[in-house]
Each structure stands twice: as C-alpha cells, then as structure tokens.
Amino acid sequence: MRRPRPGPRTPAALVAATPGPAHTIEFDGRTIPALPGQSIAAALWAQGIVAWRTTRVGGRPRGAFCGIGACYDCLATVNGRPNQRTCLLPAAPGDTVTTQEGHGHAELAV
C-alpha cells in the first residue's frame, strides 16, 4: 500500500529551504524581481524574458542556452560591464542589466 506524499516535492521543500526576501534588478529600464542567490538569467526567465543579447553577425536574439557558463549565449551588459555571463552571475539588489548588441563594445567601433 502506498502512502500519500506529504506536500509538494520541490527543491526548496526537499531541503526545507526558505528563500530570503526578494529584491529587484533593472533590465532595459524595467524593474525585475529576484530572489537571493538567483542568477540574473533565472530572474529574467521567471519574468518571461528569454533573450537579452544579439549576435555579432545578423543580430539574432540569444539568452541562456547551457546554463553553466560554457556557451556564452547569455552575455549581457551588467552595471556597465559588457560580456557578463548572466547564468553564472547572482542577481544583486540594484543591478542594472541591459541587452547587449553584438560584442558589447559598440563605443569602440571605428
């Protein structure tokens, strides 16, 4: 005979974790909620934002792909610094994230 499972089986429930209070980051002028320890990519995904970079050639949209920092599709400009891997970078209160176009150094174009 099977016993009923007690409550939902979520990662937080399994480890009895309670996240701290949410904070916000800014993405292209829009306020985005984020939880402590959550990556910038995860915070963007949670709000339905799936692309925050365009490719160097063709300007095609990109966002998180591998989620472990190996593919570099998730690059964005964070707090004025281009080419930041958002899947690895924790969202800190007040971070400003902007869509990165191409290589992220347009100001250096000749």
PDB file of N, CA and C in Angstrom:
ATOM      1  N   MET A   1       0.830  -1.176   0.000  1.00  0.00           N
ATOM      2  CA  MET A   1       0.000   0.000   0.000  1.00  0.00           C
ATOM      3  C   MET A   1       0.881   1.248   0.000  1.00  0.00           C
ATOM      4  N   ARG A   2       0.549   2.189  -0.864  1.00  0.00           N
ATOM      5  CA  ARG A   2       1.317   3.429  -0.966  1.00  0.00           C
ATOM      6  C   ARG A   2       0.845   4.470   0.026  1.00  0.00           C
ATOM      7  N   ARG A   3       1.827   5.150   0.603  1.00  0.00           N
ATOM      8  CA  ARG A   3       1.493   6.268   1.492  1.00  0.00           C
ATOM      9  C   ARG A   3       1.429   7.546   0.672  1.00  0.00           C
ATOM     10  N   PRO A   4       0.509   8.444   0.966  1.00  0.00           N
ATOM     11  CA  PRO A   4       0.468   9.719   0.241  1.00  0.00           C
ATOM     12  C   PRO A   4       1.702  10.554   0.569  1.00  0.00           C
ATOM     13  N   ARG A   5       2.171  11.261  -0.423  1.00  0.00           N
ATOM     14  CA  ARG A   5       3.346  12.122  -0.221  1.00  0.00           C
ATOM     15  C   ARG A   5       2.948  13.380   0.538  1.00  0.00           C
ATOM     16  N   PRO A   6       3.771  13.768   1.494  1.00  0.00           N
ATOM     17  CA  PRO A   6       3.474  14.976   2.285  1.00  0.00           C
ATOM     18  C   PRO A   6       3.900  16.248   1.543  1.00  0.00           C
ATOM     19  N   GLY A   7       2.983  16.935   0.931  1.00  0.00           N
ATOM     20  CA  GLY A   7       3.262  18.226   0.300  1.00  0.00           C
ATOM     21  C   GLY A   7       3.994  18.121  -1.022  1.00  0.00           C
ATOM     22  N   PRO A   8       4.272  19.258  -1.630  1.00  0.00           N
ATOM     23  CA  PRO A   8       4.917  19.281  -2.942  1.00  0.00           C
ATOM     24  C   PRO A   8       6.386  18.874  -2.866  1.00  0.00           C
ATOM     25  N   ARG A   9       6.857  18.230  -3.913  1.00  0.00           N
ATOM     26  CA  ARG A   9       8.269  17.839  -3.994  1.00  0.00           C
ATOM     27  C   ARG A   9       9.009  18.857  -4.839  1.00  0.00           C
ATOM     28  N   THR A  10       9.377  19.930  -4.224  1.00  0.00           N
ATOM     29  CA  THR A  10      10.167  20.958  -4.889  1.00  0.00           C
ATOM     30  C   THR A  10      11.554  20.954  -4.269  1.00  0.00           C
ATOM     31  N   PRO A  11      12.551  21.488  -4.984  1.00  0.00           N
ATOM     32  CA  PRO A  11      13.888  21.538  -4.381  1.00  0.00           C
ATOM     33  C   PRO A  11      13.893  22.252  -3.033  1.00  0.00           C
ATOM     34  N   ALA A  12      13.162  23.361  -2.935  1.00  0.00           N
ATOM     35  CA  ALA A  12      13.132  24.101  -1.665  1.00  0.00           C
ATOM     36  C   ALA A  12      12.480  23.272  -0.565  1.00  0.00           C
ATOM     37  N   ALA A  13      11.415  22.527  -0.904  1.00  0.00           N
ATOM     38  CA  ALA A  13      10.740  21.702   0.100  1.00  0.00           C
ATOM     39  C   ALA A  13      11.629  20.546   0.542  1.00  0.00           C
ATOM     40  N   LEU A  14      12.373  19.969  -0.386  1.00  0.00           N
ATOM     41  CA  LEU A  14      13.228  18.828  -0.062  1.00  0.00           C
ATOM     42  C   LEU A  14      14.339  19.191   0.914  1.00  0.00           C
ATOM     43  N   VAL A  15      14.845  20.393   0.824  1.00  0.00           N
ATOM     44  CA  VAL A  15      15.925  20.788   1.731  1.00  0.00           C
ATOM     45  C   VAL A  15      15.435  21.700   2.842  1.00  0.00           C
ATOM     46  N   ALA A  16      14.115  21.889   2.898  1.00  0.00           N
ATOM     47  CA  ALA A  16      13.498  22.754   3.902  1.00  0.00           C
ATOM     48  C   ALA A  16      14.084  24.162   3.859  1.00  0.00           C
ATOM     49  N   ALA A  17      14.307  24.650   2.647  1.00  0.00           N
ATOM     50  CA  ALA A  17      14.879  25.982   2.468  1.00  0.00           C
ATOM     51  C   ALA A  17      13.782  27.028   2.369  1.00  0.00           C
ATOM     52  N   THR A  18      14.054  28.162   2.933  1.00  0.00           N
ATOM     53  CA  THR A  18      13.159  29.295   2.818  1.00  0.00           C
ATOM     54  C   THR A  18      13.964  30.447   2.253  1.00  0.00           C
ATOM     55  N   PRO A  19      13.650  30.889   1.024  1.00  0.00           N
ATOM     56  CA  PRO A  19      14.443  31.981   0.459  1.00  0.00           C
ATOM     57  C   PRO A  19      14.226  33.271   1.229  1.00  0.00           C
ATOM     58  N   GLY A  20      15.251  34.093   1.228  1.00  0.00           N
ATOM     59  CA  GLY A  20      15.142  35.400   1.867  1.00  0.00           C
ATOM     60  C   GLY A  20      14.215  36.304   1.066  1.00  0.00           C
ATOM     61  N   PRO A  21      14.036  37.518   1.528  1.00  0.00           N
ATOM     62  CA  PRO A  21      13.122  38.427   0.834  1.00  0.00           C
ATOM     63  C   PRO A  21      13.633  38.780  -0.559  1.00  0.00           C
ATOM     64  N   ALA A  22      12.693  38.959  -1.478  1.00  0.00           N
ATOM     65  CA  ALA A  22      13.035  39.332  -2.846  1.00  0.00           C
ATOM     66  C   ALA A  22      13.593  40.751  -2.887  1.00  0.00           C
ATOM     67  N   HIS A  23      14.374  41.011  -3.903  1.00  0.00           N
ATOM     68  CA  HIS A  23      14.862  42.352  -4.183  1.00  0.00           C
ATOM     69  C   HIS A  23      14.610  42.617  -5.665  1.00  0.00           C
ATOM     70  N   THR A  24      15.070  43.717  -6.184  1.00  0.00           N
ATOM     71  CA  THR A  24      14.835  43.997  -7.597  1.00  0.00           C
ATOM     72  C   THR A  24      16.124  44.321  -8.321  1.00  0.00           C
ATOM     73  N   ILE A  25      16.113  44.031  -9.622  1.00  0.00           N
ATOM     74  CA  ILE A  25      17.162  44.455 -10.540  1.00  0.00           C
ATOM     75  C   ILE A  25      16.448  45.209 -11.659  1.00  0.00           C
ATOM     76  N   GLU A  26      17.208  45.889 -12.474  1.00  0.00           N
ATOM     77  CA  GLU A  26      16.619  46.615 -13.595  1.00  0.00           C
ATOM     78  C   GLU A  26      17.102  45.998 -14.895  1.00  0.00           C
ATOM     79  N   PHE A  27      16.187  45.724 -15.806  1.00  0.00           N
ATOM     80  CA  PHE A  27      16.533  45.197 -17.121  1.00  0.00           C
ATOM     81  C   PHE A  27      15.951  46.099 -18.192  1.00  0.00           C
ATOM     82  N   ASP A  28      16.807  46.760 -18.938  1.00  0.00           N
ATOM     83  CA  ASP A  28      16.389  47.676 -20.007  1.00  0.00           C
ATOM     84  C   ASP A  28      15.309  48.636 -19.524  1.00  0.00           C
ATOM     85  N   GLY A  29      15.481  49.163 -18.306  1.00  0.00           N
ATOM     86  CA  GLY A  29      14.551  50.138 -17.758  1.00  0.00           C
ATOM     87  C   GLY A  29      13.338  49.550 -17.064  1.00  0.00           C
ATOM     88  N   ARG A  30      13.244  48.246 -17.014  1.00  0.00           N
ATOM     89  CA  ARG A  30      12.099  47.556 -16.402  1.00  0.00           C
ATOM     90  C   ARG A  30      12.534  46.940 -15.076  1.00  0.00           C
ATOM     91  N   THR A  31      11.726  47.080 -14.035  1.00  0.00           N
ATOM     92  CA  THR A  31      12.037  46.501 -12.730  1.00  0.00           C
ATOM     93  C   THR A  31      11.687  45.016 -12.733  1.00  0.00           C
ATOM     94  N   ILE A  32      12.654  44.197 -12.306  1.00  0.00           N
ATOM     95  CA  ILE A  32      12.508  42.745 -12.300  1.00  0.00           C
ATOM     96  C   ILE A  32      12.744  42.233 -10.877  1.00  0.00           C
ATOM     97  N   PRO A  33      11.826  41.426 -10.323  1.00  0.00           N
ATOM     98  CA  PRO A  33      12.077  40.846  -9.002  1.00  0.00           C
ATOM     99  C   PRO A  33      13.105  39.716  -9.086  1.00  0.00           C
ATOM    100  N   ALA A  34      13.883  39.556  -8.047  1.00  0.00           N
ATOM    101  CA  ALA A  34      14.871  38.479  -7.973  1.00  0.00           C
ATOM    102  C   ALA A  34      14.961  37.998  -6.530  1.00  0.00           C
ATOM    103  N   LEU A  35      15.282  36.724  -6.383  1.00  0.00           N
ATOM    104  CA  LEU A  35      15.463  36.141  -5.052  1.00  0.00           C
ATOM    105  C   LEU A  35      16.945  36.054  -4.712  1.00  0.00           C
ATOM    106  N   PRO A  36      17.297  36.076  -3.446  1.00  0.00           N
ATOM    107  CA  PRO A  36      18.705  35.937  -3.066  1.00  0.00           C
ATOM    108  C   PRO A  36      19.293  34.650  -3.642  1.00  0.00           C
ATOM    109  N   GLY A  37      20.454  34.773  -4.260  1.00  0.00           N
ATOM    110  CA  GLY A  37      21.130  33.614  -4.834  1.00  0.00           C
ATOM    111  C   GLY A  37      20.682  33.258  -6.236  1.00  0.00           C
ATOM    112  N   GLN A  38      19.629  33.868  -6.715  1.00  0.00           N
ATOM    113  CA  GLN A  38      19.129  33.573  -8.054  1.00  0.00           C
ATOM    114  C   GLN A  38      20.030  34.243  -9.091  1.00  0.00           C
ATOM    115  N   SER A  39      20.326  33.531 -10.177  1.00  0.00           N
ATOM    116  CA  SER A  39      21.137  34.144 -11.218  1.00  0.00           C
ATOM    117  C   SER A  39      20.322  35.190 -11.964  1.00  0.00           C
ATOM    118  N   ILE A  40      21.035  36.087 -12.629  1.00  0.00           N
ATOM    119  CA  ILE A  40      20.342  37.097 -13.430  1.00  0.00           C
ATOM    120  C   ILE A  40      19.514  36.409 -14.509  1.00  0.00           C
ATOM    121  N   ALA A  41      20.077  35.386 -15.156  1.00  0.00           N
ATOM    122  CA  ALA A  41      19.341  34.668 -16.201  1.00  0.00           C
ATOM    123  C   ALA A  41      18.052  34.068 -15.649  1.00  0.00           C
ATOM    124  N   ALA A  42      18.103  33.464 -14.465  1.00  0.00           N
ATOM    125  CA  ALA A  42      16.908  32.856 -13.865  1.00  0.00           C
ATOM    126  C   ALA A  42      15.867  33.916 -13.534  1.00  0.00           C
ATOM    127  N   ALA A  43      16.302  35.076 -13.051  1.00  0.00           N
ATOM    128  CA  ALA A  43      15.362  36.155 -12.743  1.00  0.00           C
ATOM    129  C   ALA A  43      14.676  36.650 -14.021  1.00  0.00           C
ATOM    130  N   LEU A  44      15.443  36.759 -15.104  1.00  0.00           N
ATOM    131  CA  LEU A  44      14.851  37.188 -16.376  1.00  0.00           C
ATOM    132  C   LEU A  44      13.880  36.142 -16.907  1.00  0.00           C
ATOM    133  N   TRP A  45      14.285  34.887 -16.867  1.00  0.00           N
ATOM    134  CA  TRP A  45      13.403  33.791 -17.307  1.00  0.00           C
ATOM    135  C   TRP A  45      12.097  33.801 -16.536  1.00  0.00           C
ATOM    136  N   ALA A  46      12.176  34.006 -15.225  1.00  0.00           N
ATOM    137  CA  ALA A  46      10.982  33.978 -14.379  1.00  0.00           C
ATOM    138  C   ALA A  46       9.974  35.051 -14.791  1.00  0.00           C
ATOM    139  N   GLN A  47      10.455  36.092 -15.458  1.00  0.00           N
ATOM    140  CA  GLN A  47       9.568  37.163 -15.923  1.00  0.00           C
ATOM    141  C   GLN A  47       9.204  37.007 -17.402  1.00  0.00           C
ATOM    142  N   GLY A  48       9.557  35.868 -17.976  1.00  0.00           N
ATOM    143  CA  GLY A  48       9.210  35.607 -19.371  1.00  0.00           C
ATOM    144  C   GLY A  48      10.158  36.230 -20.376  1.00  0.00           C
ATOM    145  N   ILE A  49      11.288  36.726 -19.910  1.00  0.00           N
ATOM    146  CA  ILE A  49      12.289  37.324 -20.804  1.00  0.00           C
ATOM    147  C   ILE A  49      13.270  36.227 -21.186  1.00  0.00           C
ATOM    148  N   VAL A  50      13.338  35.893 -22.470  1.00  0.00           N
ATOM    149  CA  VAL A  50      14.177  34.773 -22.891  1.00  0.00           C
ATOM    150  C   VAL A  50      15.354  35.185 -23.778  1.00  0.00           C
ATOM    151  N   ALA A  51      15.447  36.458 -24.147  1.00  0.00           N
ATOM    152  CA  ALA A  51      16.568  36.925 -24.966  1.00  0.00           C
ATOM    153  C   ALA A  51      17.048  38.269 -24.439  1.00  0.00           C
ATOM    154  N   TRP A  52      18.371  38.401 -24.291  1.00  0.00           N
ATOM    155  CA  TRP A  52      18.957  39.652 -23.816  1.00  0.00           C
ATOM    156  C   TRP A  52      20.308  39.930 -24.455  1.00  0.00           C
ATOM    157  N   ARG A  53      20.528  39.354 -25.612  1.00  0.00           N
ATOM    158  CA  ARG A  53      21.746  39.604 -26.382  1.00  0.00           C
ATOM    159  C   ARG A  53      21.415  39.388 -27.844  1.00  0.00           C
ATOM    160  N   THR A  54      22.127  40.108 -28.723  1.00  0.00           N
ATOM    161  CA  THR A  54      22.015  39.829 -30.147  1.00  0.00           C
ATOM    162  C   THR A  54      23.391  39.409 -30.650  1.00  0.00           C
ATOM    163  N   THR A  55      23.394  38.574 -31.671  1.00  0.00           N
ATOM    164  CA  THR A  55      24.661  38.064 -32.197  1.00  0.00           C
ATOM    165  C   THR A  55      25.414  39.142 -32.959  1.00  0.00           C
ATOM    166  N   ARG A  56      26.724  38.949 -33.080  1.00  0.00           N
ATOM    167  CA  ARG A  56      27.577  39.904 -33.785  1.00  0.00           C
ATOM    168  C   ARG A  56      27.197  40.007 -35.256  1.00  0.00           C
ATOM    169  N   VAL A  57      26.931  38.870 -35.868  1.00  0.00           N
ATOM    170  CA  VAL A  57      26.566  38.822 -37.280  1.00  0.00           C
ATOM    171  C   VAL A  57      25.095  38.445 -37.379  1.00  0.00           C
ATOM    172  N   GLY A  58      24.313  39.303 -37.969  1.00  0.00           N
ATOM    173  CA  GLY A  58      22.902  39.007 -38.171  1.00  0.00           C
ATOM    174  C   GLY A  58      21.971  39.545 -37.105  1.00  0.00           C
ATOM    175  N   GLY A  59      22.489  39.900 -35.925  1.00  0.00           N
ATOM    176  CA  GLY A  59      21.651  40.462 -34.873  1.00  0.00           C
ATOM    177  C   GLY A  59      20.563  39.529 -34.364  1.00  0.00           C
ATOM    178  N   ARG A  60      20.828  38.243 -34.330  1.00  0.00           N
ATOM    179  CA  ARG A  60      19.830  37.281 -33.859  1.00  0.00           C
ATOM    180  C   ARG A  60      19.764  37.258 -32.334  1.00  0.00           C
ATOM    181  N   PRO A  61      18.556  37.085 -31.785  1.00  0.00           N
ATOM    182  CA  PRO A  61      18.402  37.109 -30.319  1.00  0.00           C
ATOM    183  C   PRO A  61      18.987  35.867 -29.654  1.00  0.00           C
ATOM    184  N   ARG A  62      19.558  36.077 -28.485  1.00  0.00           N
ATOM    185  CA  ARG A  62      20.113  34.995 -27.683  1.00  0.00           C
ATOM    186  C   ARG A  62      19.781  35.237 -26.220  1.00  0.00           C
ATOM    187  N   GLY A  63      19.752  34.154 -25.440  1.00  0.00           N
ATOM    188  CA  GLY A  63      19.542  34.201 -23.999  1.00  0.00           C
ATOM    189  C   GLY A  63      20.312  33.042 -23.405  1.00  0.00           C
ATOM    190  N   ALA A  64      19.825  32.497 -22.320  1.00  0.00           N
ATOM    191  CA  ALA A  64      20.509  31.351 -21.701  1.00  0.00           C
ATOM    192  C   ALA A  64      20.303  30.106 -22.554  1.00  0.00           C
ATOM    193  N   PHE A  65      21.349  29.340 -22.742  1.00  0.00           N
ATOM    194  CA  PHE A  65      21.272  28.093 -23.501  1.00  0.00           C
ATOM    195  C   PHE A  65      21.744  26.929 -22.647  1.00  0.00           C
ATOM    196  N   CYS A  66      23.012  26.958 -22.233  1.00  0.00           N
ATOM    197  CA  CYS A  66      23.548  25.827 -21.470  1.00  0.00           C
ATOM    198  C   CYS A  66      23.289  25.972 -19.970  1.00  0.00           C
ATOM    199  N   GLY A  67      23.263  27.189 -19.472  1.00  0.00           N
ATOM    200  CA  GLY A  67      23.018  27.420 -18.055  1.00  0.00           C
ATOM    201  C   GLY A  67      24.198  27.134 -17.139  1.00  0.00           C
ATOM    202  N   ILE A  68      25.373  26.815 -17.716  1.00  0.00           N
ATOM    203  CA  ILE A  68      26.550  26.520 -16.888  1.00  0.00           C
ATOM    204  C   ILE A  68      27.772  27.348 -17.280  1.00  0.00           C
ATOM    205  N   GLY A  69      27.573  28.364 -18.110  1.00  0.00           N
ATOM    206  CA  GLY A  69      28.664  29.266 -18.460  1.00  0.00           C
ATOM    207  C   GLY A  69      29.592  28.784 -19.546  1.00  0.00           C
ATOM    208  N   ALA A  70      29.232  27.723 -20.262  1.00  0.00           N
ATOM    209  CA  ALA A  70      30.110  27.184 -21.295  1.00  0.00           C
ATOM    210  C   ALA A  70      29.848  27.767 -22.681  1.00  0.00           C
ATOM    211  N   CYS A  71      28.618  28.188 -22.966  1.00  0.00           N
ATOM    212  CA  CYS A  71      28.268  28.558 -24.342  1.00  0.00           C
ATOM    213  C   CYS A  71      28.332  30.058 -24.622  1.00  0.00           C
ATOM    214  N   TYR A  72      28.253  30.900 -23.651  1.00  0.00           N
ATOM    215  CA  TYR A  72      28.327  32.350 -23.781  1.00  0.00           C
ATOM    216  C   TYR A  72      27.121  32.968 -24.500  1.00  0.00           C
ATOM    217  N   ASP A  73      26.030  32.247 -24.666  1.00  0.00           N
ATOM    218  CA  ASP A  73      24.837  32.831 -25.280  1.00  0.00           C
ATOM    219  C   ASP A  73      24.149  33.825 -24.351  1.00  0.00           C
ATOM    220  N   CYS A  74      24.376  33.731 -23.051  1.00  0.00           N
ATOM    221  CA  CYS A  74      23.657  34.550 -22.072  1.00  0.00           C
ATOM    222  C   CYS A  74      24.343  35.866 -21.742  1.00  0.00           C
ATOM    223  N   LEU A  75      25.296  36.288 -22.555  1.00  0.00           N
ATOM    224  CA  LEU A  75      26.026  37.517 -22.256  1.00  0.00           C
ATOM    225  C   LEU A  75      25.105  38.728 -22.236  1.00  0.00           C
ATOM    226  N   ALA A  76      25.377  39.637 -21.309  1.00  0.00           N
ATOM    227  CA  ALA A  76      24.651  40.898 -21.214  1.00  0.00           C
ATOM    228  C   ALA A  76      25.587  41.935 -20.606  1.00  0.00           C
ATOM    229  N   THR A  77      25.167  43.168 -20.671  1.00  0.00           N
ATOM    230  CA  THR A  77      25.906  44.234 -20.009  1.00  0.00           C
ATOM    231  C   THR A  77      25.299  44.414 -18.622  1.00  0.00           C
ATOM    232  N   VAL A  78      26.117  44.223 -17.588  1.00  0.00           N
ATOM    233  CA  VAL A  78      25.650  44.313 -16.205  1.00  0.00           C
ATOM    234  C   VAL A  78      26.433  45.417 -15.510  1.00  0.00           C
ATOM    235  N   ASN A  79      25.699  46.399 -15.007  1.00  0.00           N
ATOM    236  CA  ASN A  79      26.309  47.545 -14.326  1.00  0.00           C
ATOM    237  C   ASN A  79      27.401  48.199 -15.176  1.00  0.00           C
ATOM    238  N   GLY A  80      27.137  48.309 -16.488  1.00  0.00           N
ATOM    239  CA  GLY A  80      28.064  48.965 -17.407  1.00  0.00           C
ATOM    240  C   GLY A  80      29.183  48.084 -17.924  1.00  0.00           C
ATOM    241  N   ARG A  81      29.288  46.851 -17.452  1.00  0.00           N
ATOM    242  CA  ARG A  81      30.345  45.931 -17.889  1.00  0.00           C
ATOM    243  C   ARG A  81      29.782  44.951 -18.917  1.00  0.00           C
ATOM    244  N   PRO A  82      30.251  45.001 -20.162  1.00  0.00           N
ATOM    245  CA  PRO A  82      29.737  44.084 -21.179  1.00  0.00           C
ATOM    246  C   PRO A  82      30.266  42.664 -20.985  1.00  0.00           C
ATOM    247  N   ASN A  83      29.646  41.735 -21.690  1.00  0.00           N
ATOM    248  CA  ASN A  83      30.086  40.333 -21.760  1.00  0.00           C
ATOM    249  C   ASN A  83      30.052  39.602 -20.427  1.00  0.00           C
ATOM    250  N   GLN A  84      29.038  39.868 -19.622  1.00  0.00           N
ATOM    251  CA  GLN A  84      28.869  39.176 -18.342  1.00  0.00           C
ATOM    252  C   GLN A  84      27.972  37.960 -18.554  1.00  0.00           C
ATOM    253  N   ARG A  85      28.402  36.794 -18.083  1.00  0.00           N
ATOM    254  CA  ARG A  85      27.604  35.568 -18.223  1.00  0.00           C
ATOM    255  C   ARG A  85      26.509  35.562 -17.159  1.00  0.00           C
ATOM    256  N   THR A  86      25.289  35.858 -17.594  1.00  0.00           N
ATOM    257  CA  THR A  86      24.181  36.021 -16.658  1.00  0.00           C
ATOM    258  C   THR A  86      23.732  34.721 -16.021  1.00  0.00           C
ATOM    259  N   CYS A  87      24.075  33.588 -16.608  1.00  0.00           N
ATOM    260  CA  CYS A  87      23.684  32.320 -15.988  1.00  0.00           C
ATOM    261  C   CYS A  87      24.539  32.015 -14.760  1.00  0.00           C
ATOM    262  N   LEU A  88      25.695  32.655 -14.657  1.00  0.00           N
ATOM    263  CA  LEU A  88      26.600  32.421 -13.526  1.00  0.00           C
ATOM    264  C   LEU A  88      26.594  33.564 -12.512  1.00  0.00           C
ATOM    265  N   LEU A  89      26.086  34.707 -12.897  1.00  0.00           N
ATOM    266  CA  LEU A  89      26.170  35.906 -12.067  1.00  0.00           C
ATOM    267  C   LEU A  89      24.928  36.057 -11.197  1.00  0.00           C
ATOM    268  N   PRO A  90      25.092  35.992  -9.874  1.00  0.00           N
ATOM    269  CA  PRO A  90      23.931  36.190  -8.996  1.00  0.00           C
ATOM    270  C   PRO A  90      23.365  37.597  -9.149  1.00  0.00           C
ATOM    271  N   ALA A  91      22.058  37.692  -9.129  1.00  0.00           N
ATOM    272  CA  ALA A  91      21.378  38.989  -9.213  1.00  0.00           C
ATOM    273  C   ALA A  91      21.526  39.699  -7.872  1.00  0.00           C
ATOM    274  N   ALA A  92      22.203  40.823  -7.875  1.00  0.00           N
ATOM    275  CA  ALA A  92      22.398  41.602  -6.649  1.00  0.00           C
ATOM    276  C   ALA A  92      21.394  42.754  -6.633  1.00  0.00           C
ATOM    277  N   PRO A  93      20.940  43.142  -5.460  1.00  0.00           N
ATOM    278  CA  PRO A  93      19.991  44.249  -5.381  1.00  0.00           C
ATOM    279  C   PRO A  93      20.517  45.487  -6.108  1.00  0.00           C
ATOM    280  N   GLY A  94      19.675  46.031  -6.977  1.00  0.00           N
ATOM    281  CA  GLY A  94      20.038  47.249  -7.688  1.00  0.00           C
ATOM    282  C   GLY A  94      20.847  47.061  -8.953  1.00  0.00           C
ATOM    283  N   ASP A  95      21.182  45.815  -9.330  1.00  0.00           N
ATOM    284  CA  ASP A  95      21.917  45.595 -10.574  1.00  0.00           C
ATOM    285  C   ASP A  95      21.158  46.196 -11.746  1.00  0.00           C
ATOM    286  N   THR A  96      21.902  46.739 -12.704  1.00  0.00           N
ATOM    287  CA  THR A  96      21.321  47.255 -13.934  1.00  0.00           C
ATOM    288  C   THR A  96      21.821  46.384 -15.079  1.00  0.00           C
ATOM    289  N   VAL A  97      20.902  45.728 -15.748  1.00  0.00           N
ATOM    290  CA  VAL A  97      21.220  44.811 -16.842  1.00  0.00           C
ATOM    291  C   VAL A  97      20.641  45.395 -18.121  1.00  0.00           C
ATOM    292  N   THR A  98      21.462  45.426 -19.173  1.00  0.00           N
ATOM    293  CA  THR A  98      20.970  45.911 -20.453  1.00  0.00           C
ATOM    294  C   THR A  98      21.265  44.888 -21.546  1.00  0.00           C
ATOM    295  N   THR A  99      20.387  44.862 -22.528  1.00  0.00           N
ATOM    296  CA  THR A  99      20.579  43.980 -23.676  1.00  0.00           C
ATOM    297  C   THR A  99      21.902  44.331 -24.335  1.00  0.00           C
ATOM    298  N   GLN A 100      22.667  43.307 -24.655  1.00  0.00           N
ATOM    299  CA  GLN A 100      23.960  43.511 -25.291  1.00  0.00           C
ATOM    300  C   GLN A 100      23.831  43.258 -26.780  1.00  0.00           C
ATOM    301  N   GLU A 101      24.282  44.216 -27.559  1.00  0.00           N
ATOM    302  CA  GLU A 101      24.254  44.068 -29.002  1.00  0.00           C
ATOM    303  C   GLU A 101      25.639  43.703 -29.502  1.00  0.00           C
ATOM    304  N   GLY A 102      25.718  42.602 -30.255  1.00  0.00           N
ATOM    305  CA  GLY A 102      26.994  42.171 -30.817  1.00  0.00           C
ATOM    306  C   GLY A 102      28.016  41.828 -29.759  1.00  0.00           C
ATOM    307  N   HIS A 103      29.211  42.401 -29.905  1.00  0.00           N
ATOM    308  CA  HIS A 103      30.314  42.082 -28.987  1.00  0.00           C
ATOM    309  C   HIS A 103      30.310  42.922 -27.718  1.00  0.00           C
ATOM    310  N   GLY A 104      29.374  43.872 -27.616  1.00  0.00           N
ATOM    311  CA  GLY A 104      29.256  44.660 -26.385  1.00  0.00           C
ATOM    312  C   GLY A 104      30.177  45.847 -26.289  1.00  0.00           C
ATOM    313  N   HIS A 105      30.915  46.127 -27.347  1.00  0.00           N
ATOM    314  CA  HIS A 105      31.862  47.247 -27.326  1.00  0.00           C
ATOM    315  C   HIS A 105      31.596  48.212 -28.480  1.00  0.00           C
ATOM    316  N   ALA A 106      30.329  48.576 -28.688  1.00  0.00           N
ATOM    317  CA  ALA A 106      29.954  49.455 -29.789  1.00  0.00           C
ATOM    318  C   ALA A 106      30.671  50.800 -29.706  1.00  0.00           C
ATOM    319  N   GLU A 107      30.958  51.258 -28.499  1.00  0.00           N
ATOM    320  CA  GLU A 107      31.624  52.549 -28.340  1.00  0.00           C
ATOM    321  C   GLU A 107      33.053  52.532 -28.886  1.00  0.00           C
ATOM    322  N   LEU A 108      33.591  51.332 -29.141  1.00  0.00           N
ATOM    323  CA  LEU A 108      34.940  51.215 -29.659  1.00  0.00           C
ATOM    324  C   LEU A 108      34.974  51.102 -31.173  1.00  0.00           C
ATOM    325  N   ALA A 109      33.801  51.059 -31.804  1.00  0.00           N
ATOM    326  CA  ALA A 109      33.751  50.908 -33.260  1.00  0.00           C
ATOM    327  C   ALA A 109      34.439  52.076 -33.951  1.00  0.00           C
ATOM    328  N   VAL A 110      35.114  51.768 -35.034  1.00  0.00           N
ATOM    329  CA  VAL A 110      35.858  52.798 -35.783  1.00  0.00           C
ATOM    330  C   VAL A 110      35.075  53.183 -37.002  1.00  0.00           C
TER     331      VAL A 110
END
